[in-house]
Amino acid sequence: MKHEFYIKRCLQVAKNGIGNTRPNPSVGAVIVHQNKIIGEGFTSEYGNNHAEVNAVNSVENKVLLKEATIYVTLEPCSHFGKTPPCADLLVKHQFKNVVIGCVDTNSLVAGKGIERLRNAGINVIIGVLEDECKEHHKRFFTVQNKKRPYIILKWAETIDGFIAPLSKLEQKPIWISNKYSQQLVHKLRSNEHAILVGTNTVIADNPKLNVRSWFGNNPTRIILDKTLRIPSDFSVFDGTVKTIVLTGDDNKLENKIENVIFERIDFNSNLAQQICIVLQKHNIQSVIIEGGSQTLQTFIDEKLWDEAHVFMGGFSFENGVKAPVFSGNVTSEKRIKNDILKIYKND
C-alpha cells in the first residue's frame, strides 16, 4: 500500500505538466526518505528538465538520495535527446530503490532504463498502479503504439437528442450546455494539443476555438474545408493560433495567411484516417473533434476515437440536427448544475 500511496502522489504532481510537455509525456516523480517526501517534480516544457531531474534538484540534502526511493509514473529514459538520460542521473546519485508505474513503450527506452538501473545495483519495482499510470499517459502511448493522436469526441445535445437547430437568425453558437459545462470544455481544450471542426460549423458559428474560460495554452486549430469556402476574415484565420486547413482544392494551396498551413487530402474515402496521417505528420499528440455532426460521425464510423465527452443540456429543440450515433462504455457520469456529462471509452 505504501508504494501505491506515493505513485498516487506522482500522478497528482504529473497533472501539472499536462498540455505543456509535448511531445514528451508529463511524468510525475516523488522522492521519499524514511517515509517522508523530500522532493517532487514533473516534466518541464519540451527541451528542458524531465521529472526526475526536477525532483532531484528540489532535494536540499543530496546525501539522503543514497538511502531514498524515487517513485515515477513512467520508466526513466535511457537515451540522449534534448536532455541526458534520467536513468544515468538516478545511477549517479545511487538511489536505493526506483518504483515505476508503467514501462515506456517508446523503442528508444522500452525496458532499457530499467536494465540500466538494475545493472547499477538499484532495486527496481515495476507496475505499481500500472493501469492508472497508463491512463495518465494515454496520449503518449497512443502516439507511440497506434501512430496517431489520442482522439476525443465532444458535443452537447438536448434532451431529445439534437446538437443544433436546423436554422438560426444569427452567426453565433446556440448554447445547449450551461456556463459551467462551457468552462469545463475550455479546460479540456487547454489539456489537448489540437481541436478539429468542419466547414459548416465554422461558417455557422464563426468560432475562435481557443481557451478563454480557463488558464492554459490554446490548441492548434484543425479546419476541414474541402473547397476553401471559409472567408479569410473569419476568427480561425486571425493568426493568433497555429491553424492547419485540410482541403481538397489543389488550386488554392498557395494561399498565404499568417500562421495557417494548408494540407491536401482526398475527401472521398477514409477521411478520418487521412486526417490522422496529417496530424501525425505535424506531431499532434491529441485532438478534440468538436463538430459538426457529420465530422463526428465520420470518426465514429471509421472507429477512430478513444473518448467521447457528451454533455446533455436541460432543454429540448423538438427538431434539429441529430446527435451522432455511436456505442461505447460509460466510464464516468456527473451532473453540472442542470447538465449531465457522460464520458465514454471506445469499446
Protein backbone atom coordinates (compact mmCIF):
# COMPACT_ATOMS: atom_id res chain seq x y z
CA MET A 1 0.00 0.00 0.00
CA LYS A 2 2.93 2.34 0.68
CA HIS A 3 4.06 2.19 -2.95
CA GLU A 4 0.53 2.88 -4.20
CA PHE A 5 0.29 5.95 -1.95
CA TYR A 6 3.41 7.55 -3.43
CA ILE A 7 2.57 6.66 -7.04
CA LYS A 8 -0.81 8.34 -6.49
CA ARG A 9 1.11 11.42 -5.41
CA CYS A 10 3.24 11.12 -8.57
CA LEU A 11 0.06 11.16 -10.66
CA GLN A 12 -1.16 14.26 -8.84
CA VAL A 13 2.15 16.04 -9.45
CA ALA A 14 2.26 14.92 -13.09
CA LYS A 15 -1.04 16.65 -13.87
CA ASN A 16 0.77 19.98 -13.54
CA GLY A 17 2.58 19.32 -16.81
CA ILE A 18 -0.35 18.21 -18.99
CA GLY A 19 -0.58 20.39 -22.07
CA ASN A 20 2.94 21.81 -21.73
CA THR A 21 5.40 18.94 -22.24
CA ARG A 22 4.62 17.72 -25.77
CA PRO A 23 5.92 15.66 -27.42
CA ASN A 24 7.27 14.33 -24.12
CA PRO A 25 4.86 12.71 -21.66
CA SER A 26 4.02 14.58 -18.47
CA VAL A 27 5.75 12.40 -15.88
CA GLY A 28 5.48 12.81 -12.11
CA ALA A 29 8.33 11.95 -9.70
CA VAL A 30 8.39 11.81 -5.90
CA ILE A 31 11.46 11.14 -3.71
CA VAL A 32 10.91 9.50 -0.31
CA HIS A 33 13.39 9.11 2.56
CA GLN A 34 12.37 7.33 5.74
CA ASN A 35 8.67 7.59 4.87
CA LYS A 36 8.92 11.33 4.25
CA ILE A 37 8.64 13.08 0.89
CA ILE A 38 11.81 15.14 0.42
CA GLY A 39 11.46 16.02 -3.26
CA GLU A 40 8.95 16.24 -6.09
CA GLY A 41 8.98 17.16 -9.76
CA PHE A 42 7.12 16.96 -13.04
CA THR A 43 8.25 17.25 -16.65
CA SER A 44 9.15 20.75 -17.81
CA GLU A 45 8.40 22.18 -21.24
CA TYR A 46 9.97 20.28 -24.16
CA GLY A 47 13.73 20.63 -24.24
CA ASN A 48 14.01 21.29 -20.51
CA ASN A 49 14.28 19.07 -17.43
CA HIS A 50 12.43 15.80 -17.08
CA ALA A 51 10.51 14.96 -13.91
CA GLU A 52 13.34 13.01 -12.28
CA VAL A 53 15.76 15.92 -12.72
CA ASN A 54 13.31 18.41 -11.23
CA ALA A 55 12.64 16.09 -8.30
CA VAL A 56 16.35 15.59 -7.58
CA ASN A 57 17.00 19.33 -7.88
CA SER A 58 14.28 20.00 -5.30
CA VAL A 59 16.10 17.96 -2.63
CA GLU A 60 18.26 20.18 -0.42
CA ASN A 61 20.45 17.46 1.06
CA LYS A 62 21.58 15.27 -1.83
CA VAL A 63 23.37 12.90 0.57
CA LEU A 64 19.97 11.48 1.51
CA LEU A 65 19.41 10.19 -2.03
CA LYS A 66 21.62 7.13 -1.41
CA GLU A 67 19.05 5.86 1.08
CA ALA A 68 15.99 7.18 -0.76
CA THR A 69 13.34 5.75 -3.07
CA ILE A 70 12.22 7.62 -6.15
CA TYR A 71 8.74 6.95 -7.49
CA VAL A 72 7.91 7.73 -11.14
CA THR A 73 4.81 7.28 -13.28
CA LEU A 74 6.86 6.16 -16.31
CA GLU A 75 10.13 4.30 -16.81
CA PRO A 76 13.11 6.72 -16.70
CA CYS A 77 14.59 7.39 -20.13
CA SER A 78 17.89 5.79 -21.10
CA HIS A 79 18.82 7.73 -24.24
CA PHE A 80 20.20 11.15 -25.10
CA GLY A 81 17.63 13.52 -26.59
CA LYS A 82 17.25 17.20 -25.73
CA THR A 83 18.48 16.19 -22.25
CA PRO A 84 20.76 13.44 -20.84
CA PRO A 85 19.27 10.08 -19.74
CA CYS A 86 17.35 10.20 -16.47
CA ALA A 87 18.40 6.63 -15.68
CA ASP A 88 22.05 7.82 -15.57
CA LEU A 89 21.10 10.57 -13.12
CA LEU A 90 19.49 8.05 -10.75
CA VAL A 91 22.56 5.81 -11.00
CA LYS A 92 24.84 8.78 -10.32
CA HIS A 93 23.02 9.56 -7.07
CA GLN A 94 22.91 5.86 -6.11
CA PHE A 95 19.22 5.68 -5.29
CA LYS A 96 18.36 2.66 -3.16
CA ASN A 97 15.04 1.95 -4.90
CA VAL A 98 13.19 3.04 -8.02
CA VAL A 99 9.44 2.34 -8.17
CA ILE A 100 7.89 2.64 -11.64
CA GLY A 101 4.21 2.91 -12.56
CA CYS A 102 4.48 1.64 -16.14
CA VAL A 103 7.12 0.70 -18.70
CA ASP A 104 7.82 3.10 -21.57
CA THR A 105 6.82 1.56 -24.93
CA ASN A 106 8.99 4.00 -26.89
CA SER A 107 11.54 1.82 -28.73
CA LEU A 108 14.31 4.18 -27.56
CA VAL A 109 13.54 3.19 -23.96
CA ALA A 110 11.28 0.07 -23.69
CA GLY A 111 12.98 -1.56 -20.71
CA LYS A 112 16.45 -0.16 -21.33
CA GLY A 113 16.06 2.34 -18.49
CA ILE A 114 15.09 -0.44 -16.09
CA GLU A 115 18.02 -2.57 -17.26
CA ARG A 116 20.44 0.34 -16.73
CA LEU A 117 19.19 0.82 -13.16
CA ARG A 118 19.34 -2.87 -12.25
CA ASN A 119 22.81 -3.27 -13.72
CA ALA A 120 23.91 -0.49 -11.34
CA GLY A 121 22.59 -2.48 -8.35
CA ILE A 122 19.44 -0.41 -7.80
CA ASN A 123 16.32 -2.28 -6.66
CA VAL A 124 13.61 -1.66 -9.27
CA ILE A 125 9.89 -2.32 -8.75
CA ILE A 126 7.59 -2.17 -11.80
CA GLY A 127 3.84 -1.97 -12.35
CA VAL A 128 2.56 -0.11 -9.29
CA LEU A 129 -0.84 1.37 -10.20
CA GLU A 130 0.03 0.43 -13.77
CA ASP A 131 -3.47 0.95 -15.21
CA GLU A 132 -3.76 4.40 -13.63
CA CYS A 133 -0.33 5.41 -14.97
CA LYS A 134 -1.16 4.14 -18.45
CA GLU A 135 -4.39 6.13 -18.36
CA HIS A 136 -2.47 9.26 -17.37
CA HIS A 137 0.00 8.71 -20.23
CA LYS A 138 -2.73 7.74 -22.73
CA ARG A 139 -1.82 10.45 -25.25
CA PHE A 140 1.85 9.47 -25.30
CA PHE A 141 1.11 5.74 -25.56
CA THR A 142 -1.44 6.24 -28.36
CA VAL A 143 1.10 8.13 -30.47
CA GLN A 144 3.79 5.53 -29.74
CA ASN A 145 1.67 2.42 -30.26
CA LYS A 146 -1.03 3.43 -32.76
CA LYS A 147 0.88 6.08 -34.72
CA ARG A 148 -1.97 8.56 -34.43
CA PRO A 149 -3.12 11.17 -31.92
CA TYR A 150 -5.39 10.42 -28.98
CA ILE A 151 -8.88 11.31 -30.24
CA ILE A 152 -11.61 12.84 -28.08
CA LEU A 153 -15.10 13.40 -29.47
CA LYS A 154 -17.03 16.24 -27.84
CA TRP A 155 -20.54 17.56 -28.29
CA ALA A 156 -23.54 18.88 -26.40
CA GLU A 157 -27.03 17.58 -27.10
CA THR A 158 -30.55 18.38 -25.98
CA ILE A 159 -32.78 16.06 -24.00
CA ASP A 160 -34.38 14.96 -27.28
CA GLY A 161 -31.03 14.26 -28.98
CA PHE A 162 -30.23 17.29 -31.14
CA ILE A 163 -26.87 19.10 -31.29
CA ALA A 164 -28.03 22.16 -33.27
CA PRO A 165 -31.18 23.75 -34.67
CA LEU A 166 -31.94 23.39 -38.38
CA SER A 167 -31.59 27.15 -38.81
CA LYS A 168 -30.83 30.27 -36.77
CA LEU A 169 -31.03 34.02 -37.16
CA GLU A 170 -27.51 35.00 -36.04
CA GLN A 171 -23.99 33.77 -36.89
CA LYS A 172 -23.06 32.65 -33.40
CA PRO A 173 -23.36 29.46 -31.33
CA ILE A 174 -26.66 28.48 -29.72
CA TRP A 175 -25.64 27.12 -26.35
CA ILE A 176 -27.11 23.81 -25.26
CA SER A 177 -24.95 23.42 -22.16
CA ASN A 178 -24.65 25.87 -19.25
CA LYS A 179 -21.73 28.21 -18.47
CA TYR A 180 -20.13 25.72 -16.05
CA SER A 181 -20.06 23.00 -18.70
CA GLN A 182 -18.65 25.53 -21.17
CA GLN A 183 -15.86 26.33 -18.71
CA LEU A 184 -15.11 22.61 -18.42
CA VAL A 185 -14.83 22.44 -22.21
CA HIS A 186 -12.23 25.20 -22.14
CA LYS A 187 -10.28 23.25 -19.52
CA LEU A 188 -10.41 20.26 -21.88
CA ARG A 189 -9.13 22.44 -24.73
CA SER A 190 -6.20 23.60 -22.61
CA ASN A 191 -5.18 19.97 -21.96
CA GLU A 192 -5.27 18.79 -25.57
CA HIS A 193 -2.94 19.52 -28.44
CA ALA A 194 -5.47 20.32 -31.18
CA ILE A 195 -9.14 20.95 -31.89
CA LEU A 196 -10.89 20.00 -35.13
CA VAL A 197 -14.12 21.23 -36.74
CA GLY A 198 -15.75 21.02 -40.15
CA THR A 199 -16.60 23.76 -42.62
CA ASN A 200 -20.28 24.08 -41.74
CA THR A 201 -19.52 24.58 -38.05
CA VAL A 202 -17.08 27.41 -38.81
CA ILE A 203 -19.43 29.14 -41.25
CA ALA A 204 -22.44 28.79 -38.94
CA ASP A 205 -20.75 29.94 -35.70
CA ASN A 206 -17.51 31.77 -36.65
CA PRO A 207 -15.84 30.23 -33.57
CA LYS A 208 -12.46 31.22 -32.12
CA LEU A 209 -11.68 27.65 -30.96
CA ASN A 210 -9.33 28.95 -28.27
CA VAL A 211 -9.10 28.87 -24.47
CA ARG A 212 -10.96 31.74 -22.80
CA SER A 213 -12.74 30.47 -19.68
CA TRP A 214 -9.70 28.65 -18.32
CA PHE A 215 -5.96 29.27 -17.97
CA GLY A 216 -3.83 27.33 -20.43
CA ASN A 217 -2.47 27.02 -23.94
CA ASN A 218 -4.65 27.38 -27.00
CA PRO A 219 -4.92 24.17 -29.03
CA THR A 220 -3.78 24.04 -32.64
CA ARG A 221 -6.83 24.58 -34.86
CA ILE A 222 -7.58 21.92 -37.47
CA ILE A 223 -10.17 23.01 -40.05
CA LEU A 224 -11.82 20.82 -42.68
CA ASP A 225 -12.61 22.93 -45.74
CA LYS A 226 -12.87 20.85 -48.91
CA THR A 227 -13.33 23.76 -51.34
CA LEU A 228 -11.97 26.58 -49.13
CA ARG A 229 -15.37 28.18 -48.59
CA ILE A 230 -14.50 29.79 -45.25
CA PRO A 231 -13.92 33.58 -45.66
CA SER A 232 -10.39 34.76 -44.84
CA ASP A 233 -11.68 37.31 -42.30
CA PHE A 234 -13.16 34.62 -40.02
CA SER A 235 -11.77 34.12 -36.50
CA VAL A 236 -10.00 30.85 -37.33
CA PHE A 237 -7.72 32.84 -39.66
CA ASP A 238 -6.84 35.60 -37.17
CA GLY A 239 -3.21 34.40 -36.93
CA THR A 240 -3.23 34.09 -33.13
CA VAL A 241 -3.07 30.29 -33.13
CA LYS A 242 -1.38 27.80 -35.43
CA THR A 243 -4.07 26.58 -37.83
CA ILE A 244 -3.97 23.65 -40.25
CA VAL A 245 -6.55 23.64 -43.05
CA LEU A 246 -7.30 20.30 -44.67
CA THR A 247 -8.62 20.84 -48.18
CA GLY A 248 -9.20 19.07 -51.47
CA ASP A 249 -8.63 22.22 -53.54
CA ASP A 250 -5.27 21.97 -55.31
CA ASN A 251 -5.52 25.39 -56.90
CA LYS A 252 -5.59 27.38 -53.67
CA LEU A 253 -2.92 25.66 -51.61
CA GLU A 254 -0.54 28.54 -52.29
CA ASN A 255 -2.78 30.93 -50.31
CA LYS A 256 -0.70 32.78 -47.74
CA ILE A 257 -2.40 33.51 -44.43
CA GLU A 258 -0.30 34.17 -41.34
CA ASN A 259 0.16 31.11 -39.10
CA VAL A 260 -2.02 28.96 -41.40
CA ILE A 261 -0.84 25.76 -43.10
CA PHE A 262 -2.75 24.11 -45.95
CA GLU A 263 -2.68 20.34 -46.43
CA ARG A 264 -4.39 18.43 -49.22
CA ILE A 265 -6.41 15.26 -48.53
CA ASP A 266 -8.91 13.18 -50.50
CA PHE A 267 -12.40 13.83 -49.09
CA ASN A 268 -13.91 10.85 -50.92
CA SER A 269 -12.58 7.96 -48.82
CA ASN A 270 -11.17 7.12 -45.36
CA LEU A 271 -11.36 10.76 -44.33
CA ALA A 272 -10.69 10.23 -40.62
CA GLN A 273 -7.69 8.02 -41.37
CA GLN A 274 -6.22 10.63 -43.71
CA ILE A 275 -6.74 13.32 -41.07
CA CYS A 276 -4.83 11.19 -38.55
CA ILE A 277 -1.94 10.83 -41.01
CA VAL A 278 -1.71 14.61 -41.40
CA LEU A 279 -1.92 15.15 -37.63
CA GLN A 280 0.83 12.58 -37.10
CA LYS A 281 2.94 14.43 -39.68
CA HIS A 282 2.58 17.60 -37.59
CA ASN A 283 3.35 15.72 -34.32
CA ILE A 284 -0.13 16.34 -32.90
CA GLN A 285 -0.48 14.17 -29.78
CA SER A 286 -4.19 14.61 -29.10
CA VAL A 287 -7.19 16.19 -30.79
CA ILE A 288 -10.72 17.15 -29.76
CA ILE A 289 -13.28 16.62 -32.52
CA GLU A 290 -15.88 19.32 -31.81
CA GLY A 291 -18.13 19.04 -34.82
CA GLY A 292 -20.27 19.18 -36.62
CA SER A 293 -22.40 16.08 -36.66
CA GLN A 294 -21.05 14.81 -39.99
CA THR A 295 -17.42 15.24 -38.91
CA LEU A 296 -18.05 13.47 -35.61
CA GLN A 297 -19.90 10.64 -37.33
CA THR A 298 -17.00 10.19 -39.77
CA PHE A 299 -14.60 9.39 -36.93
CA ILE A 300 -17.18 7.14 -35.28
CA ASP A 301 -17.85 5.20 -38.48
CA GLU A 302 -14.13 4.69 -39.10
CA LYS A 303 -13.75 3.59 -35.44
CA LEU A 304 -11.06 6.21 -34.91
CA TRP A 305 -11.79 7.63 -31.46
CA ASP A 306 -10.73 6.95 -27.88
CA GLU A 307 -13.06 9.03 -25.69
CA ALA A 308 -16.39 10.82 -26.15
CA HIS A 309 -17.44 13.68 -23.85
CA VAL A 310 -21.18 14.14 -24.25
CA PHE A 311 -22.96 17.00 -22.46
CA MET A 312 -26.74 16.82 -22.17
CA GLY A 313 -28.43 20.16 -21.61
CA GLY A 314 -31.66 20.67 -19.73
CA PHE A 315 -33.99 21.59 -22.60
CA SER A 316 -35.18 20.34 -26.00
CA PHE A 317 -35.27 21.60 -29.61
CA GLU A 318 -38.07 19.30 -30.83
CA ASN A 319 -36.38 19.47 -34.25
CA GLY A 320 -32.84 19.99 -35.48
CA VAL A 321 -29.53 18.29 -36.35
CA LYS A 322 -29.41 14.85 -34.74
CA ALA A 323 -26.58 13.90 -32.41
CA PRO A 324 -24.04 11.34 -33.66
CA VAL A 325 -24.88 7.64 -33.33
CA PHE A 326 -22.24 5.59 -31.51
CA SER A 327 -21.64 2.95 -28.86
CA GLY A 328 -19.12 2.94 -26.04
CA ASN A 329 -18.59 2.20 -22.37
CA VAL A 330 -19.58 4.92 -19.91
CA THR A 331 -16.58 5.49 -17.63
CA SER A 332 -17.97 8.43 -15.68
CA GLU A 333 -21.15 10.44 -15.30
CA LYS A 334 -21.64 13.65 -13.37
CA ARG A 335 -24.16 16.42 -13.03
CA ILE A 336 -23.08 20.01 -13.74
CA LYS A 337 -25.99 22.07 -12.42
CA ASN A 338 -28.79 21.15 -14.84
CA ASP A 339 -26.42 19.46 -17.34
CA ILE A 340 -25.21 15.86 -17.37
CA LEU A 341 -21.74 14.96 -18.64
CA LYS A 342 -21.08 11.37 -19.70
CA ILE A 343 -17.60 10.26 -20.71
CA TYR A 344 -17.37 7.16 -22.90
CA LYS A 345 -14.45 4.93 -23.89
CA ASN A 346 -14.36 3.28 -27.28
CA ASP A 347 -15.19 -0.40 -26.77
